Amino acid sequence: MPEISLLTVFLAGLLGGAHCVGMCGGIVAAMSLQGGRKQPLGFHLGYNLGRIASYSLAGALAGLIGSAAFLSDALLPIQKTLYVLAQIVLILMGLYLAGLSRAVLWLERAGGGLWRRLQPLFGRLLPIRDFPGALVAGAVWGWLPCGLVYSVLITALASGRAASGALLMLVFGLGTLPNLLAMGWAAESLRRLTADRTVKLIAGLTVAGFGVWGLAGLMLK
């Protein structure tokens, strides 16, 4: 099976910035201003390292589960089904980033139950007093339900290997980093860029095009 492009998932993370800020803005605000003071940059690095570590762990678990479909030729139909599903979700994600469809966001409901259990833990971690605490808080934050995260998790599932799944989610997480790490002028400029209608349309259709290309390659085999 063709590999899911790392560039694709990085672009999905980077260009999904408006969604990321909307979904995580409240959490970022809660962690940024504690006790009436701004948190140091090191704490923000800790939050995001913890978050991306959770993404990578989830990707490794998804790839490990998907690997069962790659262990035997008898399971080839399952392998193909996972790959086709990953390409379809990639197309839906691209259409969402382009502002043409919100269908992919139904995936967010899947993680609602887990987050309801983790949310009280997150609250008890505040206020953050040191870098290890920031890492733990970020790791909990990484399980916040997000349609874009779940979309990439499906591609991790289709990758068929724990290492590949972890790498996909790591690269996606790095793509989200600029929008969620910087809180000043640079972040505002980046949000304006990623919210630009033309930029969103071109970027989203590019991501969707990777999915169409993947399906076309499978059909032409």
Protein backbone atom coordinates (compact mmCIF):
# COMPACT_ATOMS: atom_id res chain seq x y z
CA MET A 1 0.00 0.00 0.00
CA PRO A 2 1.25 3.55 -0.74
CA GLU A 3 2.41 5.47 2.30
CA ILE A 4 0.40 8.39 3.60
CA SER A 5 2.46 11.51 2.91
CA LEU A 6 4.05 13.07 5.98
CA LEU A 7 3.80 16.41 4.20
CA THR A 8 0.04 15.90 3.94
CA VAL A 9 -0.47 15.43 7.66
CA PHE A 10 1.89 18.30 8.47
CA LEU A 11 -0.11 20.61 6.21
CA ALA A 12 -3.34 19.36 7.77
CA GLY A 13 -2.03 20.33 11.21
CA LEU A 14 -0.65 23.68 10.10
CA LEU A 15 -3.56 24.76 7.94
CA GLY A 16 -6.14 23.53 10.41
CA GLY A 17 -4.93 26.34 12.67
CA ALA A 18 -8.26 28.14 12.87
CA HIS A 19 -9.95 24.94 14.05
CA CYS A 20 -7.14 24.20 16.52
CA VAL A 21 -7.33 27.66 18.07
CA GLY A 22 -11.12 27.42 18.27
CA MET A 23 -11.07 23.97 19.87
CA CYS A 24 -8.16 24.56 22.25
CA GLY A 25 -8.38 28.31 22.82
CA GLY A 26 -10.06 27.92 26.22
CA ILE A 27 -7.47 25.41 27.41
CA VAL A 28 -4.61 27.55 26.13
CA ALA A 29 -6.08 30.57 27.95
CA ALA A 30 -6.49 28.58 31.18
CA MET A 31 -2.87 27.45 31.04
CA SER A 32 -1.50 30.80 29.86
CA LEU A 33 -2.93 32.95 32.62
CA GLN A 34 -2.72 31.45 36.08
CA GLY A 35 -2.72 33.50 39.25
CA GLY A 36 -3.11 36.64 37.12
CA ARG A 37 0.32 36.14 35.52
CA LYS A 38 1.44 34.84 32.15
CA GLN A 39 3.16 31.49 32.19
CA PRO A 40 6.82 31.36 31.02
CA LEU A 41 7.64 30.12 27.52
CA GLY A 42 9.13 26.93 28.96
CA PHE A 43 5.75 25.95 30.37
CA HIS A 44 4.13 26.42 26.95
CA LEU A 45 6.78 24.17 25.45
CA GLY A 46 5.94 21.61 28.13
CA TYR A 47 2.21 21.78 27.41
CA ASN A 48 2.75 21.23 23.70
CA LEU A 49 5.41 18.53 24.12
CA GLY A 50 2.99 16.65 26.36
CA ARG A 51 0.16 17.11 23.87
CA ILE A 52 2.24 15.90 20.92
CA ALA A 53 3.51 12.95 23.00
CA SER A 54 -0.11 11.89 23.55
CA TYR A 55 -0.77 12.21 19.81
CA SER A 56 2.26 10.01 19.11
CA LEU A 57 1.15 7.41 21.66
CA ALA A 58 -2.34 7.32 20.14
CA GLY A 59 -0.78 6.96 16.68
CA ALA A 60 1.41 4.08 17.84
CA LEU A 61 -1.63 2.30 19.33
CA ALA A 62 -3.62 2.86 16.14
CA GLY A 63 -0.77 1.57 13.97
CA LEU A 64 -0.39 -1.46 16.23
CA ILE A 65 -4.09 -2.27 15.94
CA GLY A 66 -3.93 -1.78 12.18
CA SER A 67 -0.90 -4.05 11.92
CA ALA A 68 -3.13 -7.08 12.50
CA ALA A 69 -4.55 -6.49 9.03
CA PHE A 70 -1.05 -6.65 7.54
CA LEU A 71 0.06 -9.94 9.10
CA SER A 72 -1.54 -12.27 6.58
CA ASP A 73 -2.46 -12.25 2.91
CA ALA A 74 -5.81 -13.66 4.01
CA LEU A 75 -6.56 -10.29 5.58
CA LEU A 76 -5.87 -8.33 2.40
CA PRO A 77 -9.54 -7.17 2.09
CA ILE A 78 -9.27 -5.60 5.57
CA GLN A 79 -5.98 -3.98 4.60
CA LYS A 80 -7.57 -2.47 1.50
CA THR A 81 -10.63 -1.35 3.45
CA LEU A 82 -8.47 0.49 5.99
CA TYR A 83 -6.51 2.17 3.22
CA VAL A 84 -9.65 3.27 1.35
CA LEU A 85 -11.17 4.57 4.60
CA ALA A 86 -8.01 6.57 5.31
CA GLN A 87 -8.13 8.16 1.84
CA ILE A 88 -11.83 9.03 2.17
CA VAL A 89 -11.26 10.67 5.55
CA LEU A 90 -8.27 12.51 4.07
CA ILE A 91 -10.55 13.90 1.36
CA LEU A 92 -13.15 14.95 3.95
CA MET A 93 -10.44 16.59 6.03
CA GLY A 94 -9.24 18.52 2.97
CA LEU A 95 -12.78 19.69 2.22
CA TYR A 96 -13.11 20.83 5.82
CA LEU A 97 -9.84 22.77 5.69
CA ALA A 98 -11.04 24.35 2.44
CA GLY A 99 -14.24 25.46 4.18
CA LEU A 100 -16.42 23.35 1.89
CA SER A 101 -17.69 20.67 4.29
CA ARG A 102 -17.88 19.97 8.03
CA ALA A 103 -18.65 16.26 7.63
CA VAL A 104 -15.35 15.14 9.14
CA LEU A 105 -16.23 16.74 12.50
CA TRP A 106 -18.63 13.91 13.35
CA LEU A 107 -15.49 12.05 14.44
CA GLU A 108 -15.18 14.38 17.44
CA ARG A 109 -18.14 12.69 19.12
CA ALA A 110 -16.16 9.45 19.31
CA GLY A 111 -13.81 10.78 21.99
CA GLY A 112 -16.36 12.64 24.09
CA GLY A 113 -16.68 9.91 26.70
CA LEU A 114 -12.95 9.66 27.30
CA TRP A 115 -12.56 13.42 27.61
CA ARG A 116 -15.39 13.65 30.16
CA ARG A 117 -13.35 11.31 32.36
CA LEU A 118 -10.08 13.16 31.84
CA GLN A 119 -11.40 16.71 32.18
CA PRO A 120 -11.63 16.65 36.01
CA LEU A 121 -8.02 15.43 36.12
CA PHE A 122 -6.97 18.33 33.95
CA GLY A 123 -8.70 20.75 36.31
CA ARG A 124 -6.90 19.30 39.33
CA LEU A 125 -3.52 19.84 37.67
CA LEU A 126 -4.05 23.61 37.66
CA PRO A 127 -2.27 25.80 38.59
CA ILE A 128 0.89 24.52 36.92
CA ARG A 129 3.94 25.10 39.12
CA ASP A 130 6.80 23.44 37.21
CA PHE A 131 7.87 21.99 33.86
CA PRO A 132 6.97 18.35 34.72
CA GLY A 133 3.49 19.55 35.68
CA ALA A 134 3.23 21.32 32.32
CA LEU A 135 4.18 18.09 30.53
CA VAL A 136 1.49 16.12 32.40
CA ALA A 137 -1.16 18.77 31.75
CA GLY A 138 -0.21 18.79 28.07
CA ALA A 139 -0.41 15.01 27.91
CA VAL A 140 -3.99 15.15 29.24
CA TRP A 141 -4.82 17.97 26.83
CA GLY A 142 -3.73 15.72 23.96
CA TRP A 143 -6.84 13.55 24.45
CA LEU A 144 -9.28 16.44 23.81
CA PRO A 145 -11.75 15.24 21.13
CA CYS A 146 -10.78 16.72 17.76
CA GLY A 147 -12.01 15.74 14.31
CA LEU A 148 -8.68 16.61 12.69
CA VAL A 149 -6.74 14.49 15.19
CA TYR A 150 -9.08 11.54 14.64
CA SER A 151 -8.78 11.91 10.88
CA VAL A 152 -5.02 11.47 11.07
CA LEU A 153 -5.47 8.61 13.55
CA ILE A 154 -7.37 6.73 10.86
CA THR A 155 -4.40 7.14 8.53
CA ALA A 156 -2.21 5.88 11.39
CA LEU A 157 -4.48 2.85 11.66
CA ALA A 158 -4.05 2.22 7.94
CA SER A 159 -0.26 2.55 8.16
CA GLY A 160 -0.07 -0.95 9.62
CA ARG A 161 2.89 -0.29 11.93
CA ALA A 162 3.16 1.23 15.39
CA ALA A 163 6.26 3.24 14.42
CA SER A 164 4.59 4.61 11.28
CA GLY A 165 1.46 5.54 13.19
CA ALA A 166 3.47 7.33 15.87
CA LEU A 167 5.47 9.21 13.22
CA LEU A 168 2.33 10.34 11.40
CA MET A 169 0.83 11.74 14.59
CA LEU A 170 4.15 13.33 15.60
CA VAL A 171 4.40 15.18 12.29
CA PHE A 172 0.75 16.24 12.51
CA GLY A 173 1.35 17.52 16.04
CA LEU A 174 4.36 19.53 14.86
CA GLY A 175 2.13 21.07 12.21
CA THR A 176 -0.28 22.29 14.89
CA LEU A 177 2.54 23.68 17.04
CA PRO A 178 2.96 27.18 15.55
CA ASN A 179 -0.72 28.05 16.04
CA LEU A 180 -0.90 26.80 19.62
CA LEU A 181 2.55 27.72 20.91
CA ALA A 182 2.92 31.36 19.91
CA MET A 183 0.46 33.73 21.58
CA GLY A 184 1.69 37.11 20.37
CA TRP A 185 1.93 39.01 17.11
CA ALA A 186 3.44 36.14 15.12
CA ALA A 187 0.61 33.81 16.12
CA GLU A 188 -2.00 36.42 15.15
CA SER A 189 -0.34 36.90 11.77
CA LEU A 190 -0.25 33.14 11.23
CA ARG A 191 -3.91 32.81 12.18
CA ARG A 192 -4.80 35.52 9.68
CA LEU A 193 -2.85 33.68 7.00
CA THR A 194 -4.44 30.29 7.72
CA ALA A 195 -7.89 31.91 7.91
CA ASP A 196 -7.51 33.57 4.50
CA ARG A 197 -10.19 32.14 2.20
CA THR A 198 -7.88 31.60 -0.76
CA VAL A 199 -5.16 29.99 1.37
CA LYS A 200 -7.71 27.70 3.02
CA LEU A 201 -9.20 26.69 -0.33
CA ILE A 202 -5.85 25.92 -1.97
CA ALA A 203 -4.49 24.10 1.09
CA GLY A 204 -7.66 22.11 1.69
CA LEU A 205 -7.98 21.02 -1.93
CA THR A 206 -4.31 20.04 -1.90
CA VAL A 207 -4.89 17.76 1.12
CA ALA A 208 -8.04 16.34 -0.48
CA GLY A 209 -6.08 15.80 -3.69
CA PHE A 210 -3.67 13.51 -1.85
CA GLY A 211 -6.66 11.36 -0.87
CA VAL A 212 -8.00 11.28 -4.44
CA TRP A 213 -4.52 10.39 -5.71
CA GLY A 214 -4.29 7.54 -3.20
CA LEU A 215 -7.66 6.11 -4.28
CA ALA A 216 -6.77 6.47 -7.96
CA GLY A 217 -3.48 4.66 -7.41
CA LEU A 218 -5.29 1.77 -5.72
CA MET A 219 -7.87 1.45 -8.53
CA LEU A 220 -5.21 1.51 -11.24
CA LYS A 221 -3.31 -1.44 -9.71
